[in-house]
């Protein structure tokens, strides 16, 4: 599943936002990595070395996937987290399959 085109502006310090969907084939943890890689225009596989961060440094990916996808759909689940390297990434994951990542700084 590929992310939507990031919102880029001519201002390098302007926030960049990408919306992404996840499903049974692409869990939320992988979708987060893909969205950040899209924002930074790097290969998701190479993102740990290219970006100097891993998702596991900020959250347990297995637990995140279980919390978000392990619900029966009758309860709404939203998880917000922040990932830092040279930039700050505000991440919102919803059990509806929606994921939003916004880079600032």
N, C-alpha and C. Protein backbone atom coordinates (compact mmCIF):
# COMPACT_ATOMS: atom_id res chain seq x y z
N UNK A 1 0.85 -1.15 0.00
CA UNK A 1 0.00 0.00 0.00
C UNK A 1 0.90 1.23 0.00
N UNK A 2 0.69 2.16 -0.87
CA UNK A 2 1.57 3.32 -0.95
C UNK A 2 0.92 4.54 -0.34
N UNK A 3 1.74 5.42 0.22
CA UNK A 3 1.20 6.62 0.83
C UNK A 3 0.77 7.61 -0.23
N UNK A 4 -0.08 8.53 0.17
CA UNK A 4 -0.44 9.61 -0.73
C UNK A 4 0.77 10.51 -0.91
N UNK A 5 0.73 11.33 -1.94
CA UNK A 5 1.83 12.25 -2.17
C UNK A 5 1.97 13.19 -0.99
N UNK A 6 3.19 13.34 -0.47
CA UNK A 6 3.38 14.27 0.63
C UNK A 6 3.09 15.69 0.20
N UNK A 7 2.66 16.51 1.14
CA UNK A 7 2.45 17.94 0.89
C UNK A 7 3.79 18.63 1.08
N UNK A 8 4.45 18.97 -0.03
CA UNK A 8 5.72 19.66 0.03
C UNK A 8 5.52 21.12 -0.30
N UNK A 9 6.29 21.96 0.35
CA UNK A 9 6.26 23.38 0.03
C UNK A 9 7.68 23.80 -0.28
N UNK A 10 7.85 25.02 -0.76
CA UNK A 10 9.19 25.53 -1.06
C UNK A 10 9.97 25.84 0.21
N UNK A 11 9.29 25.96 1.33
CA UNK A 11 9.93 26.27 2.61
C UNK A 11 10.41 24.97 3.25
N UNK A 12 11.75 24.79 3.40
CA UNK A 12 12.25 23.53 3.96
C UNK A 12 11.84 23.30 5.41
N UNK A 13 11.43 24.35 6.12
CA UNK A 13 11.00 24.21 7.50
C UNK A 13 9.49 24.07 7.64
N UNK A 14 8.79 24.13 6.53
CA UNK A 14 7.33 23.99 6.58
C UNK A 14 6.97 22.55 6.91
N UNK A 15 5.90 22.33 7.65
CA UNK A 15 5.48 20.96 7.94
C UNK A 15 5.16 20.20 6.66
N UNK A 16 5.48 18.92 6.66
CA UNK A 16 5.16 18.03 5.55
C UNK A 16 4.26 16.95 6.12
N UNK A 17 3.16 16.71 5.44
CA UNK A 17 2.17 15.76 5.94
C UNK A 17 1.88 14.71 4.87
N UNK A 18 1.80 13.46 5.31
CA UNK A 18 1.42 12.39 4.40
C UNK A 18 0.34 11.55 5.09
N UNK A 19 -0.67 11.18 4.31
CA UNK A 19 -1.71 10.28 4.80
C UNK A 19 -1.50 8.93 4.13
N UNK A 20 -1.75 7.89 4.88
CA UNK A 20 -1.45 6.54 4.42
C UNK A 20 -2.54 5.62 4.96
N UNK A 21 -2.77 4.53 4.29
CA UNK A 21 -3.73 3.53 4.76
C UNK A 21 -2.96 2.25 5.05
N UNK A 22 -3.43 1.50 6.01
CA UNK A 22 -2.87 0.18 6.28
C UNK A 22 -4.00 -0.82 6.27
N UNK A 23 -3.64 -2.09 6.12
CA UNK A 23 -4.64 -3.15 6.05
C UNK A 23 -4.04 -4.44 6.56
N UNK A 24 -4.68 -5.56 6.29
CA UNK A 24 -4.21 -6.86 6.76
C UNK A 24 -2.86 -7.25 6.19
N UNK A 25 -2.53 -6.74 5.01
CA UNK A 25 -1.25 -7.06 4.39
C UNK A 25 -0.12 -6.13 4.84
N UNK A 26 -0.48 -4.91 5.19
CA UNK A 26 0.50 -3.91 5.64
C UNK A 26 0.09 -3.43 7.02
N UNK A 27 0.74 -3.94 8.08
CA UNK A 27 0.36 -3.52 9.43
C UNK A 27 0.73 -2.07 9.70
N UNK A 28 0.13 -1.48 10.72
CA UNK A 28 0.39 -0.08 11.04
C UNK A 28 1.88 0.24 11.22
N UNK A 29 2.63 -0.64 11.86
CA UNK A 29 4.05 -0.35 12.10
C UNK A 29 4.81 -0.20 10.79
N UNK A 30 4.53 -1.03 9.81
CA UNK A 30 5.18 -0.94 8.50
C UNK A 30 4.70 0.31 7.77
N UNK A 31 3.41 0.63 7.89
CA UNK A 31 2.87 1.82 7.24
C UNK A 31 3.53 3.09 7.78
N UNK A 32 3.85 3.14 9.07
CA UNK A 32 4.54 4.30 9.65
C UNK A 32 5.91 4.46 8.99
N UNK A 33 6.65 3.36 8.89
CA UNK A 33 7.98 3.40 8.27
C UNK A 33 7.85 3.86 6.81
N UNK A 34 6.87 3.33 6.09
CA UNK A 34 6.68 3.72 4.69
C UNK A 34 6.34 5.20 4.55
N UNK A 35 5.50 5.71 5.45
CA UNK A 35 5.10 7.12 5.38
C UNK A 35 6.28 8.04 5.66
N UNK A 36 7.07 7.74 6.69
CA UNK A 36 8.25 8.57 6.98
C UNK A 36 9.25 8.49 5.84
N UNK A 37 9.44 7.30 5.28
CA UNK A 37 10.36 7.14 4.14
C UNK A 37 9.87 7.96 2.95
N UNK A 38 8.56 8.01 2.72
CA UNK A 38 8.01 8.81 1.62
C UNK A 38 8.27 10.29 1.85
N UNK A 39 8.09 10.75 3.08
CA UNK A 39 8.35 12.16 3.39
C UNK A 39 9.81 12.50 3.12
N UNK A 40 10.71 11.60 3.50
CA UNK A 40 12.14 11.86 3.38
C UNK A 40 12.72 11.39 2.04
N UNK A 41 11.87 10.80 1.19
CA UNK A 41 12.28 10.33 -0.12
C UNK A 41 13.44 9.33 -0.02
N UNK A 42 13.29 8.35 0.86
CA UNK A 42 14.26 7.26 1.00
C UNK A 42 13.54 5.92 0.88
N UNK A 43 14.29 4.89 0.58
CA UNK A 43 13.75 3.54 0.51
C UNK A 43 13.39 3.09 1.92
N UNK A 44 12.17 2.58 2.15
CA UNK A 44 11.79 2.15 3.50
C UNK A 44 12.73 1.10 4.09
N UNK A 45 13.28 0.23 3.24
CA UNK A 45 14.21 -0.80 3.72
C UNK A 45 15.50 -0.16 4.24
N UNK A 46 15.93 0.91 3.60
CA UNK A 46 17.17 1.59 3.99
C UNK A 46 16.94 2.69 5.02
N UNK A 47 15.69 2.91 5.42
CA UNK A 47 15.40 4.04 6.30
C UNK A 47 16.12 4.01 7.64
N UNK A 48 16.36 2.86 8.28
CA UNK A 48 17.10 2.92 9.55
C UNK A 48 18.49 3.55 9.40
N UNK A 49 19.21 3.17 8.37
CA UNK A 49 20.54 3.75 8.20
C UNK A 49 20.47 5.14 7.58
N UNK A 50 19.56 5.36 6.63
CA UNK A 50 19.44 6.67 5.98
C UNK A 50 18.92 7.75 6.92
N UNK A 51 18.02 7.38 7.82
CA UNK A 51 17.41 8.37 8.72
C UNK A 51 17.98 8.34 10.13
N UNK A 52 18.68 7.26 10.46
CA UNK A 52 19.27 7.17 11.79
C UNK A 52 18.28 6.85 12.89
N UNK A 53 17.12 6.30 12.53
CA UNK A 53 16.11 5.92 13.53
C UNK A 53 15.47 4.61 13.13
N UNK A 54 14.95 3.92 14.12
CA UNK A 54 14.09 2.77 13.87
C UNK A 54 12.81 2.99 14.68
N UNK A 55 11.73 2.44 14.21
CA UNK A 55 10.47 2.58 14.93
C UNK A 55 10.58 1.99 16.33
N UNK A 56 11.31 0.88 16.43
CA UNK A 56 11.44 0.20 17.72
C UNK A 56 12.09 1.09 18.79
N UNK A 57 12.88 2.10 18.38
CA UNK A 57 13.47 3.05 19.33
C UNK A 57 12.40 3.89 20.02
N UNK A 58 11.19 3.93 19.45
CA UNK A 58 10.15 4.83 19.95
C UNK A 58 8.89 4.12 20.45
N UNK A 59 8.65 2.92 19.92
CA UNK A 59 7.45 2.17 20.31
C UNK A 59 7.69 0.71 19.95
N UNK A 60 7.04 -0.18 20.67
CA UNK A 60 7.12 -1.60 20.34
C UNK A 60 6.19 -1.84 19.14
N UNK A 61 6.73 -2.12 17.96
CA UNK A 61 5.90 -2.28 16.77
C UNK A 61 4.85 -3.40 16.89
N UNK A 62 5.22 -4.50 17.52
CA UNK A 62 4.27 -5.61 17.68
C UNK A 62 3.10 -5.19 18.56
N UNK A 63 3.39 -4.52 19.66
CA UNK A 63 2.32 -4.06 20.55
C UNK A 63 1.44 -3.04 19.84
N UNK A 64 2.04 -2.12 19.10
CA UNK A 64 1.27 -1.13 18.35
C UNK A 64 0.32 -1.82 17.38
N UNK A 65 0.83 -2.77 16.61
CA UNK A 65 -0.01 -3.49 15.65
C UNK A 65 -1.15 -4.22 16.34
N UNK A 66 -0.86 -4.85 17.48
CA UNK A 66 -1.91 -5.60 18.20
C UNK A 66 -2.98 -4.67 18.77
N UNK A 67 -2.56 -3.54 19.30
CA UNK A 67 -3.53 -2.59 19.86
C UNK A 67 -4.44 -2.04 18.78
N UNK A 68 -3.85 -1.66 17.66
CA UNK A 68 -4.62 -1.02 16.60
C UNK A 68 -5.47 -2.02 15.81
N UNK A 69 -4.93 -3.17 15.50
CA UNK A 69 -5.67 -4.12 14.64
C UNK A 69 -6.39 -5.21 15.42
N UNK A 70 -6.13 -5.32 16.71
CA UNK A 70 -6.72 -6.40 17.51
C UNK A 70 -8.09 -6.10 18.06
N UNK A 71 -8.67 -5.01 17.67
CA UNK A 71 -10.02 -4.65 18.15
C UNK A 71 -11.06 -5.20 17.20
N UNK A 72 -12.25 -5.40 17.72
CA UNK A 72 -13.33 -5.97 16.90
C UNK A 72 -14.06 -4.92 16.07
N UNK A 73 -13.63 -3.69 16.11
CA UNK A 73 -14.25 -2.64 15.32
C UNK A 73 -15.33 -1.87 16.05
N UNK A 74 -15.78 -2.38 17.20
CA UNK A 74 -16.82 -1.67 17.94
C UNK A 74 -16.24 -0.54 18.79
N UNK A 75 -14.94 -0.55 18.98
CA UNK A 75 -14.27 0.47 19.76
C UNK A 75 -13.32 1.24 18.86
N UNK A 76 -13.38 2.56 18.96
CA UNK A 76 -12.48 3.40 18.18
C UNK A 76 -11.15 3.52 18.92
N UNK A 77 -10.06 3.30 18.19
CA UNK A 77 -8.72 3.39 18.77
C UNK A 77 -7.90 4.38 17.96
N UNK A 78 -7.30 5.34 18.65
CA UNK A 78 -6.38 6.29 18.04
C UNK A 78 -5.14 6.35 18.91
N UNK A 79 -3.99 6.20 18.27
CA UNK A 79 -2.72 6.30 18.98
C UNK A 79 -1.92 7.44 18.36
N UNK A 80 -1.46 8.34 19.21
CA UNK A 80 -0.59 9.43 18.79
C UNK A 80 0.78 9.21 19.40
N UNK A 81 1.81 9.38 18.58
CA UNK A 81 3.17 9.28 19.09
C UNK A 81 4.06 10.22 18.31
N UNK A 82 5.22 10.51 18.87
CA UNK A 82 6.19 11.38 18.24
C UNK A 82 7.49 10.63 18.07
N UNK A 83 8.07 10.75 16.89
CA UNK A 83 9.35 10.13 16.57
C UNK A 83 10.33 11.25 16.25
N UNK A 84 11.53 11.16 16.83
CA UNK A 84 12.53 12.21 16.63
C UNK A 84 13.79 11.68 15.98
N UNK A 85 14.33 12.43 15.06
CA UNK A 85 15.72 12.35 14.61
C UNK A 85 16.12 13.80 14.39
N UNK A 86 16.60 14.18 13.23
CA UNK A 86 16.85 15.60 12.97
C UNK A 86 15.55 16.37 12.84
N UNK A 87 14.47 15.66 12.63
CA UNK A 87 13.13 16.22 12.51
C UNK A 87 12.25 15.60 13.58
N UNK A 88 11.06 16.12 13.67
CA UNK A 88 10.05 15.55 14.56
C UNK A 88 8.89 15.08 13.70
N UNK A 89 8.46 13.84 13.92
CA UNK A 89 7.35 13.27 13.17
C UNK A 89 6.20 13.01 14.13
N UNK A 90 5.10 13.72 13.91
CA UNK A 90 3.89 13.47 14.69
C UNK A 90 3.10 12.40 13.94
N UNK A 91 2.82 11.30 14.63
CA UNK A 91 2.17 10.15 14.01
C UNK A 91 0.82 9.91 14.68
N UNK A 92 -0.20 9.74 13.87
CA UNK A 92 -1.53 9.37 14.37
C UNK A 92 -1.97 8.12 13.62
N UNK A 93 -2.29 7.08 14.40
CA UNK A 93 -2.74 5.80 13.85
C UNK A 93 -4.15 5.54 14.36
N UNK A 94 -5.06 5.22 13.45
CA UNK A 94 -6.44 4.93 13.83
C UNK A 94 -6.80 3.53 13.38
N UNK A 95 -7.60 2.84 14.19
CA UNK A 95 -7.96 1.47 13.83
C UNK A 95 -8.88 1.40 12.61
N UNK A 96 -9.26 2.54 12.07
CA UNK A 96 -10.04 2.57 10.83
C UNK A 96 -9.16 2.28 9.62
N UNK A 97 -7.83 2.19 9.84
CA UNK A 97 -6.90 1.95 8.75
C UNK A 97 -6.22 3.22 8.28
N UNK A 98 -6.48 4.31 8.96
CA UNK A 98 -5.92 5.60 8.56
C UNK A 98 -4.68 5.92 9.39
N UNK A 99 -3.68 6.47 8.72
CA UNK A 99 -2.43 6.84 9.34
C UNK A 99 -2.03 8.21 8.80
N UNK A 100 -1.64 9.11 9.69
CA UNK A 100 -1.17 10.44 9.30
C UNK A 100 0.18 10.67 9.94
N UNK A 101 1.15 11.11 9.15
CA UNK A 101 2.47 11.47 9.66
C UNK A 101 2.75 12.88 9.19
N UNK A 102 3.15 13.73 10.13
CA UNK A 102 3.51 15.10 9.81
C UNK A 102 4.90 15.39 10.33
N UNK A 103 5.77 15.86 9.44
CA UNK A 103 7.14 16.21 9.83
C UNK A 103 7.23 17.70 10.07
N UNK A 104 7.88 18.06 11.15
CA UNK A 104 8.16 19.47 11.41
C UNK A 104 9.63 19.60 11.79
N UNK A 105 10.13 20.80 11.66
CA UNK A 105 11.51 21.08 12.06
C UNK A 105 12.57 20.57 11.17
